[in-house]
Amino acid sequence: MLSFRRATLDDVDALVPLVESAYRGDASRQGWTTEADLLDGQRTDPDGVAEVITADKSVVVIAEQDGALVACCHVAQENGAGYFGMFAVDPGRQAGGVGRLTLAEAERVVAEEWGLPEMRMKVLTARADLVAWYVRRGYTQTGELIPFPYGDDRFGLPRRDDLAFELLVKKLV
C-alpha cells in the first residue's frame, strides 16, 4: 500500500539520494527515467531540497511503501497554477504504478487543497519517452521552449549542447 505525506527537513538526507538515483549515474540506468546519457553531475543537493521543503507555497510530497521511501515530487504555487518538479521514483520500483500515483497525489494537492486550475512542468525535450508518459496522463505539449541553464552546475553537467525544456500543462478543474 502506497501512502503519502509532506516532507520535513528530517527527510532531506533520504530525499537527495532518491532523486540522484532516479536520474544520475549507473544506478539510474536500472529505471527508465535516467538522464545519465544527457547530464553528469548532481541532480540536486541537500540545500536545494531543504529550500523547496521550507519555501512558501511549496511542498515536497513523499510516497512510502512498506515503510520505505519510494518516490517524491515537489509541488509549488506559481503564477496562479501548480508547478511540478523534483519527481523521482526509486529505479527498482519504476514501471509499477508508483510514479502515476505520486503524480495523481500532486495533482490532488494542487486542485483540491490549493484550488488551482492547472499543473505546469518543464521536461527535457530530449526525453521523448518521458514527455510521452506525461501526455498519456493528460498533459499537453505547449511548444514553449525554455533554454537549459548551461553553466549552472546545480542543474548538472550537460553532455550535449542541444538541451532545452518544454513547458507541459494539464487542466485540473
C-alpha atoms as a PDB file:
ATOM      1  CA  MET A   1       0.000   0.000   0.000  1.00  0.00           C
ATOM      2  CA  LEU A   2       1.345   3.386  -1.015  1.00  0.00           C
ATOM      3  CA  SER A   3       0.942   6.254   1.448  1.00  0.00           C
ATOM      4  CA  PHE A   4       1.713   9.943   1.048  1.00  0.00           C
ATOM      5  CA  ARG A   5       2.946  12.600   3.430  1.00  0.00           C
ATOM      6  CA  ARG A   6       4.632  16.002   3.367  1.00  0.00           C
ATOM      7  CA  ALA A   7       8.393  16.062   3.687  1.00  0.00           C
ATOM      8  CA  THR A   8      10.127  17.779   6.581  1.00  0.00           C
ATOM      9  CA  LEU A   9      13.739  18.831   6.981  1.00  0.00           C
ATOM     10  CA  ASP A  10      14.330  15.452   8.656  1.00  0.00           C
ATOM     11  CA  ASP A  11      13.755  13.842   5.234  1.00  0.00           C
ATOM     12  CA  VAL A  12      16.464  15.758   3.338  1.00  0.00           C
ATOM     13  CA  ASP A  13      19.166  13.104   3.845  1.00  0.00           C
ATOM     14  CA  ALA A  14      16.881  10.414   2.373  1.00  0.00           C
ATOM     15  CA  LEU A  15      15.449  12.531  -0.450  1.00  0.00           C
ATOM     16  CA  VAL A  16      18.749  13.574  -2.032  1.00  0.00           C
ATOM     17  CA  PRO A  17      19.943  10.021  -2.801  1.00  0.00           C
ATOM     18  CA  LEU A  18      16.466   9.044  -4.046  1.00  0.00           C
ATOM     19  CA  VAL A  19      16.454  11.904  -6.572  1.00  0.00           C
ATOM     20  CA  GLU A  20      20.058  11.251  -7.588  1.00  0.00           C
ATOM     21  CA  SER A  21      19.426   7.511  -8.052  1.00  0.00           C
ATOM     22  CA  ALA A  22      16.481   8.158 -10.374  1.00  0.00           C
ATOM     23  CA  TYR A  23      18.373  10.450 -12.750  1.00  0.00           C
ATOM     24  CA  ARG A  24      22.149  10.287 -12.478  1.00  0.00           C
ATOM     25  CA  GLY A  25      24.889   7.703 -12.606  1.00  0.00           C
ATOM     26  CA  ASP A  26      24.813   3.970 -13.206  1.00  0.00           C
ATOM     27  CA  ALA A  27      22.167   3.313 -10.534  1.00  0.00           C
ATOM     28  CA  SER A  28      19.696   5.378 -12.560  1.00  0.00           C
ATOM     29  CA  ARG A  29      20.072   3.035 -15.539  1.00  0.00           C
ATOM     30  CA  GLN A  30      18.086   0.400 -13.626  1.00  0.00           C
ATOM     31  CA  GLY A  31      14.970   2.525 -14.234  1.00  0.00           C
ATOM     32  CA  TRP A  32      13.686   4.323 -17.321  1.00  0.00           C
ATOM     33  CA  THR A  33      13.945   7.910 -16.024  1.00  0.00           C
ATOM     34  CA  THR A  34      17.721   8.144 -16.284  1.00  0.00           C
ATOM     35  CA  GLU A  35      19.322  11.277 -17.651  1.00  0.00           C
ATOM     36  CA  ALA A  36      22.801   9.721 -17.429  1.00  0.00           C
ATOM     37  CA  ASP A  37      23.342   9.951 -21.196  1.00  0.00           C
ATOM     38  CA  LEU A  38      22.365  13.630 -21.188  1.00  0.00           C
ATOM     39  CA  LEU A  39      23.825  15.031 -17.971  1.00  0.00           C
ATOM     40  CA  ASP A  40      26.581  14.291 -15.494  1.00  0.00           C
ATOM     41  CA  GLY A  41      26.975  15.834 -12.060  1.00  0.00           C
ATOM     42  CA  GLN A  42      24.278  16.337  -9.482  1.00  0.00           C
ATOM     43  CA  ARG A  43      20.516  16.493  -9.951  1.00  0.00           C
ATOM     44  CA  THR A  44      20.026  18.137  -6.562  1.00  0.00           C
ATOM     45  CA  ASP A  45      21.755  18.687  -3.232  1.00  0.00           C
ATOM     46  CA  PRO A  46      20.737  18.961   0.438  1.00  0.00           C
ATOM     47  CA  ASP A  47      20.473  22.757   0.300  1.00  0.00           C
ATOM     48  CA  GLY A  48      18.205  22.648  -2.761  1.00  0.00           C
ATOM     49  CA  VAL A  49      15.915  20.044  -1.213  1.00  0.00           C
ATOM     50  CA  ALA A  50      15.757  21.928   2.109  1.00  0.00           C
ATOM     51  CA  GLU A  51      14.930  25.109   0.213  1.00  0.00           C
ATOM     52  CA  VAL A  52      11.851  23.653  -1.513  1.00  0.00           C
ATOM     53  CA  ILE A  53      10.681  21.948   1.692  1.00  0.00           C
ATOM     54  CA  THR A  54      10.711  25.243   3.605  1.00  0.00           C
ATOM     55  CA  ALA A  55       9.645  27.615   0.816  1.00  0.00           C
ATOM     56  CA  ASP A  56       6.338  29.449   0.995  1.00  0.00           C
ATOM     57  CA  LYS A  57       3.547  27.927  -1.150  1.00  0.00           C
ATOM     58  CA  SER A  58       5.638  24.800  -1.695  1.00  0.00           C
ATOM     59  CA  VAL A  59       5.535  21.189  -0.533  1.00  0.00           C
ATOM     60  CA  VAL A  60       7.521  18.059  -1.187  1.00  0.00           C
ATOM     61  CA  VAL A  61       5.255  15.033  -1.350  1.00  0.00           C
ATOM     62  CA  ILE A  62       6.774  11.750  -0.196  1.00  0.00           C
ATOM     63  CA  ALA A  63       5.427   8.343  -1.207  1.00  0.00           C
ATOM     64  CA  GLU A  64       6.173   5.445   1.129  1.00  0.00           C
ATOM     65  CA  GLN A  65       5.537   1.737   0.700  1.00  0.00           C
ATOM     66  CA  ASP A  66       6.092  -0.807   3.463  1.00  0.00           C
ATOM     67  CA  GLY A  67       7.911   1.864   5.474  1.00  0.00           C
ATOM     68  CA  ALA A  68      10.358   2.707   2.681  1.00  0.00           C
ATOM     69  CA  LEU A  69      10.690   5.980   0.785  1.00  0.00           C
ATOM     70  CA  VAL A  70       9.868   5.062  -2.832  1.00  0.00           C
ATOM     71  CA  ALA A  71       9.033   8.357  -4.569  1.00  0.00           C
ATOM     72  CA  CYS A  72       8.843  12.105  -4.159  1.00  0.00           C
ATOM     73  CA  CYS A  73       7.899  15.260  -6.006  1.00  0.00           C
ATOM     74  CA  HIS A  74       7.935  18.984  -5.414  1.00  0.00           C
ATOM     75  CA  VAL A  75       4.754  20.993  -5.940  1.00  0.00           C
ATOM     76  CA  ALA A  76       4.601  24.770  -5.702  1.00  0.00           C
ATOM     77  CA  GLN A  77       2.154  27.567  -6.390  1.00  0.00           C
ATOM     78  CA  GLU A  78       3.480  29.760  -9.209  1.00  0.00           C
ATOM     79  CA  ASN A  79       1.612  32.408 -11.183  1.00  0.00           C
ATOM     80  CA  GLY A  80      -1.850  31.050 -10.380  1.00  0.00           C
ATOM     81  CA  ALA A  81      -1.011  27.432 -11.218  1.00  0.00           C
ATOM     82  CA  GLY A  82       0.691  24.449  -9.685  1.00  0.00           C
ATOM     83  CA  TYR A  83       4.276  23.701 -10.670  1.00  0.00           C
ATOM     84  CA  PHE A  84       5.505  20.086 -10.605  1.00  0.00           C
ATOM     85  CA  GLY A  85       9.171  19.156 -10.298  1.00  0.00           C
ATOM     86  CA  MET A  86      11.829  17.112  -8.493  1.00  0.00           C
ATOM     87  CA  PHE A  87       9.879  13.976  -9.387  1.00  0.00           C
ATOM     88  CA  ALA A  88      11.726  10.788  -8.539  1.00  0.00           C
ATOM     89  CA  VAL A  89      10.776   7.132  -8.192  1.00  0.00           C
ATOM     90  CA  ASP A  90      13.193   4.546  -6.844  1.00  0.00           C
ATOM     91  CA  PRO A  91      14.625   2.929 -10.020  1.00  0.00           C
ATOM     92  CA  GLY A  92      13.816  -0.565  -8.737  1.00  0.00           C
ATOM     93  CA  ARG A  93      10.145   0.365  -8.396  1.00  0.00           C
ATOM     94  CA  GLN A  94       9.673   2.194 -11.683  1.00  0.00           C
ATOM     95  CA  ALA A  95       7.126   0.967 -14.232  1.00  0.00           C
ATOM     96  CA  GLY A  96       4.917  -0.379 -11.439  1.00  0.00           C
ATOM     97  CA  GLY A  97       2.443   2.478 -10.960  1.00  0.00           C
ATOM     98  CA  VAL A  98       4.236   4.339  -8.145  1.00  0.00           C
ATOM     99  CA  GLY A  99       5.001   7.323 -10.376  1.00  0.00           C
ATOM    100  CA  ARG A 100       1.466   7.512 -11.754  1.00  0.00           C
ATOM    101  CA  LEU A 101       0.012   7.506  -8.222  1.00  0.00           C
ATOM    102  CA  THR A 102       2.530  10.087  -6.988  1.00  0.00           C
ATOM    103  CA  LEU A 103       1.710  12.399  -9.893  1.00  0.00           C
ATOM    104  CA  ALA A 104      -2.007  11.964  -9.133  1.00  0.00           C
ATOM    105  CA  GLU A 105      -1.376  12.931  -5.495  1.00  0.00           C
ATOM    106  CA  ALA A 106       0.475  16.070  -6.610  1.00  0.00           C
ATOM    107  CA  GLU A 107      -2.441  16.976  -8.895  1.00  0.00           C
ATOM    108  CA  ARG A 108      -4.846  16.409  -5.994  1.00  0.00           C
ATOM    109  CA  VAL A 109      -2.872  18.808  -3.793  1.00  0.00           C
ATOM    110  CA  VAL A 110      -2.919  21.495  -6.487  1.00  0.00           C
ATOM    111  CA  ALA A 111      -6.603  21.099  -7.411  1.00  0.00           C
ATOM    112  CA  GLU A 112      -8.279  20.181  -4.116  1.00  0.00           C
ATOM    113  CA  GLU A 113      -6.105  21.768  -1.443  1.00  0.00           C
ATOM    114  CA  TRP A 114      -4.949  24.852  -3.329  1.00  0.00           C
ATOM    115  CA  GLY A 115      -7.872  25.256  -5.751  1.00  0.00           C
ATOM    116  CA  LEU A 116      -5.591  25.967  -8.711  1.00  0.00           C
ATOM    117  CA  PRO A 117      -6.829  25.284 -12.241  1.00  0.00           C
ATOM    118  CA  GLU A 118      -3.769  23.687 -13.832  1.00  0.00           C
ATOM    119  CA  MET A 119      -0.407  21.997 -13.340  1.00  0.00           C
ATOM    120  CA  ARG A 120       2.702  23.066 -15.234  1.00  0.00           C
ATOM    121  CA  MET A 121       6.095  21.445 -15.584  1.00  0.00           C
ATOM    122  CA  LYS A 122       9.278  21.625 -17.627  1.00  0.00           C
ATOM    123  CA  VAL A 123      10.596  18.430 -19.251  1.00  0.00           C
ATOM    124  CA  LEU A 124      13.796  17.983 -21.230  1.00  0.00           C
ATOM    125  CA  THR A 125      12.848  17.784 -24.910  1.00  0.00           C
ATOM    126  CA  ALA A 126      15.498  15.081 -25.383  1.00  0.00           C
ATOM    127  CA  ARG A 127      13.413  12.836 -23.100  1.00  0.00           C
ATOM    128  CA  ALA A 128      10.726  11.960 -25.672  1.00  0.00           C
ATOM    129  CA  ASP A 129       9.743   8.853 -23.689  1.00  0.00           C
ATOM    130  CA  LEU A 130       9.126  10.942 -20.585  1.00  0.00           C
ATOM    131  CA  VAL A 131       7.202  13.613 -22.495  1.00  0.00           C
ATOM    132  CA  ALA A 132       5.036  10.821 -23.963  1.00  0.00           C
ATOM    133  CA  TRP A 133       4.411   9.421 -20.448  1.00  0.00           C
ATOM    134  CA  TYR A 134       3.087  12.815 -19.311  1.00  0.00           C
ATOM    135  CA  VAL A 135       0.984  13.211 -22.473  1.00  0.00           C
ATOM    136  CA  ARG A 136      -0.657   9.853 -21.696  1.00  0.00           C
ATOM    137  CA  ARG A 137      -1.572  11.322 -18.303  1.00  0.00           C
ATOM    138  CA  GLY A 138      -3.350  14.304 -19.826  1.00  0.00           C
ATOM    139  CA  TYR A 139      -0.544  16.852 -20.195  1.00  0.00           C
ATOM    140  CA  THR A 140      -0.333  18.981 -23.329  1.00  0.00           C
ATOM    141  CA  GLN A 141       2.864  19.952 -25.069  1.00  0.00           C
ATOM    142  CA  THR A 142       2.772  23.724 -25.420  1.00  0.00           C
ATOM    143  CA  GLY A 143       5.692  24.089 -27.823  1.00  0.00           C
ATOM    144  CA  GLU A 144       7.084  26.721 -25.447  1.00  0.00           C
ATOM    145  CA  LEU A 145      10.780  26.021 -25.042  1.00  0.00           C
ATOM    146  CA  ILE A 146      12.859  27.107 -22.081  1.00  0.00           C
ATOM    147  CA  PRO A 147      16.641  27.190 -22.544  1.00  0.00           C
ATOM    148  CA  PHE A 148      18.723  24.769 -20.493  1.00  0.00           C
ATOM    149  CA  PRO A 149      20.736  26.696 -17.869  1.00  0.00           C
ATOM    150  CA  TYR A 150      24.180  25.918 -19.295  1.00  0.00           C
ATOM    151  CA  GLY A 151      26.929  26.958 -16.917  1.00  0.00           C
ATOM    152  CA  ASP A 152      24.820  26.433 -13.772  1.00  0.00           C
ATOM    153  CA  ASP A 153      26.226  23.250 -12.228  1.00  0.00           C
ATOM    154  CA  ARG A 154      23.197  22.958  -9.915  1.00  0.00           C
ATOM    155  CA  PHE A 155      21.300  21.521 -12.898  1.00  0.00           C
ATOM    156  CA  GLY A 156      24.008  19.054 -13.878  1.00  0.00           C
ATOM    157  CA  LEU A 157      26.853  18.992 -16.358  1.00  0.00           C
ATOM    158  CA  PRO A 158      25.473  18.708 -19.903  1.00  0.00           C
ATOM    159  CA  ARG A 159      26.876  16.036 -22.187  1.00  0.00           C
ATOM    160  CA  ARG A 160      25.164  17.679 -25.203  1.00  0.00           C
ATOM    161  CA  ASP A 161      24.817  21.235 -26.465  1.00  0.00           C
ATOM    162  CA  ASP A 162      21.203  20.950 -27.666  1.00  0.00           C
ATOM    163  CA  LEU A 163      19.324  20.620 -24.369  1.00  0.00           C
ATOM    164  CA  ALA A 164      16.123  22.574 -23.724  1.00  0.00           C
ATOM    165  CA  PHE A 165      12.944  22.168 -21.702  1.00  0.00           C
ATOM    166  CA  GLU A 166       9.374  22.209 -22.990  1.00  0.00           C
ATOM    167  CA  LEU A 167       6.513  23.514 -20.886  1.00  0.00           C
ATOM    168  CA  LEU A 168       3.784  20.899 -20.376  1.00  0.00           C
ATOM    169  CA  VAL A 169       0.366  21.868 -18.981  1.00  0.00           C
ATOM    170  CA  LYS A 170      -2.663  19.988 -17.679  1.00  0.00           C
ATOM    171  CA  LYS A 171      -6.042  21.498 -16.785  1.00  0.00           C
ATOM    172  CA  LEU A 172      -7.116  20.141 -13.400  1.00  0.00           C
ATOM    173  CA  VAL A 173     -10.523  21.785 -12.858  1.00  0.00           C
END
